[in-house]
Amino acid sequence: MTPSPSPAGILHQKGPYQAYYGPDGKIERLLKDVDGDGRADAVILYWPNGKIRAGEIDSDHDGTVDRWEYYSGEGRKGCAARPMGHHRR
């Protein structure tokens, strides 16, 4: 699929991935639909320097985010969280 131009940036989709690039051409957001149900199972957000800023993951594929990860501007993982009572399968 070819990129979709927009005044704000470019949306590019290939297989289970969808990436949004801002007007400056730098990646801002990456989505992945692991199970092909049309809903993102992982959303990765990026700092302007291209390093990962945050991740929101639906690890059990029920349509609800159940893991959050945050990173510093240098790319170091700051913290991660899961809802109370949620256990990895």
Protein backbone atom coordinates (compact mmCIF):
# COMPACT_ATOMS: atom_id res chain seq x y z
CA MET A 1 0.00 0.00 0.00
CA THR A 2 1.36 3.45 -0.83
CA PRO A 3 1.70 6.16 1.82
CA SER A 4 -1.33 8.42 2.29
CA PRO A 5 -0.26 12.09 2.14
CA SER A 6 -1.89 14.53 4.54
CA PRO A 7 -1.15 18.12 5.52
CA ALA A 8 0.02 16.89 8.91
CA GLY A 9 2.17 13.94 7.79
CA ILE A 10 2.18 10.55 6.12
CA LEU A 11 0.40 7.36 7.15
CA HIS A 12 2.04 4.18 5.83
CA GLN A 13 0.62 0.67 6.24
CA LYS A 14 2.31 -2.65 5.48
CA GLY A 15 1.02 -5.98 6.73
CA PRO A 16 0.15 -5.77 10.44
CA TYR A 17 2.00 -2.44 10.83
CA GLN A 18 0.78 1.12 10.50
CA ALA A 19 3.26 3.98 10.92
CA TYR A 20 2.59 7.70 11.08
CA TYR A 21 5.36 10.09 10.06
CA GLY A 22 5.04 13.77 10.95
CA PRO A 23 5.53 16.66 8.49
CA ASP A 24 9.27 16.55 9.22
CA GLY A 25 9.41 12.91 8.04
CA LYS A 26 10.19 11.50 11.50
CA ILE A 27 8.20 8.60 12.89
CA GLU A 28 5.69 9.63 15.58
CA ARG A 29 3.58 6.51 16.07
CA LEU A 30 3.71 2.81 15.17
CA LEU A 31 0.79 0.41 15.54
CA LYS A 32 0.80 -3.37 15.18
CA ASP A 33 -2.24 -5.61 14.80
CA VAL A 34 -0.79 -8.99 15.85
CA ASP A 35 -3.96 -11.07 15.52
CA GLY A 36 -5.47 -9.40 12.42
CA ASP A 37 -8.71 -8.29 14.09
CA GLY A 38 -8.37 -4.69 12.91
CA ARG A 39 -7.48 -3.36 16.39
CA ALA A 40 -3.98 -2.32 17.39
CA ASP A 41 -2.43 -4.73 19.89
CA ALA A 42 0.59 -2.47 20.38
CA VAL A 43 0.97 1.29 20.02
CA ILE A 44 4.47 2.76 20.20
CA LEU A 45 4.94 6.53 20.48
CA TYR A 46 8.23 8.26 19.66
CA TRP A 47 10.13 11.30 20.90
CA PRO A 48 11.15 13.86 18.22
CA ASN A 49 14.68 12.37 18.33
CA GLY A 50 13.28 9.03 17.08
CA LYS A 51 13.64 7.13 20.36
CA ILE A 52 10.67 5.31 21.90
CA ARG A 53 8.64 7.51 24.28
CA ALA A 54 5.88 5.10 25.36
CA GLY A 55 4.26 1.80 24.57
CA GLU A 56 0.69 0.67 25.12
CA ILE A 57 0.17 -3.06 24.72
CA ASP A 58 -2.91 -5.30 24.67
CA SER A 59 -1.07 -8.52 25.52
CA ASP A 60 -4.16 -10.74 25.83
CA HIS A 61 -5.84 -9.38 22.66
CA ASP A 62 -9.13 -8.48 24.35
CA GLY A 63 -9.22 -4.91 22.97
CA THR A 64 -8.07 -3.25 26.21
CA VAL A 65 -4.56 -1.99 26.93
CA ASP A 66 -3.11 -3.98 29.82
CA ARG A 67 0.53 -2.87 29.82
CA TRP A 68 2.06 0.58 29.67
CA GLU A 69 5.76 1.34 29.27
CA TYR A 70 7.42 4.76 29.42
CA TYR A 71 10.90 5.77 28.26
CA SER A 72 13.16 8.78 28.76
CA GLY A 73 14.21 11.03 25.87
CA GLU A 74 17.45 9.04 25.78
CA GLY A 75 15.54 5.78 25.28
CA ARG A 76 15.96 4.37 28.79
CA LYS A 77 12.93 2.55 30.18
CA GLY A 78 11.44 4.61 32.99
CA CYS A 79 8.58 2.47 34.22
CA ALA A 80 6.08 -0.17 33.22
CA ALA A 81 2.66 -0.90 34.65
CA ARG A 82 -0.12 -3.48 34.50
CA PRO A 83 -3.61 -3.23 36.02
CA MET A 84 -4.00 -4.71 39.50
CA GLY A 85 -4.80 -8.41 39.37
CA HIS A 86 -3.70 -8.78 35.74
CA HIS A 87 -1.35 -11.68 35.21
CA ARG A 88 0.68 -12.54 32.16
CA ARG A 89 -0.67 -15.57 30.27
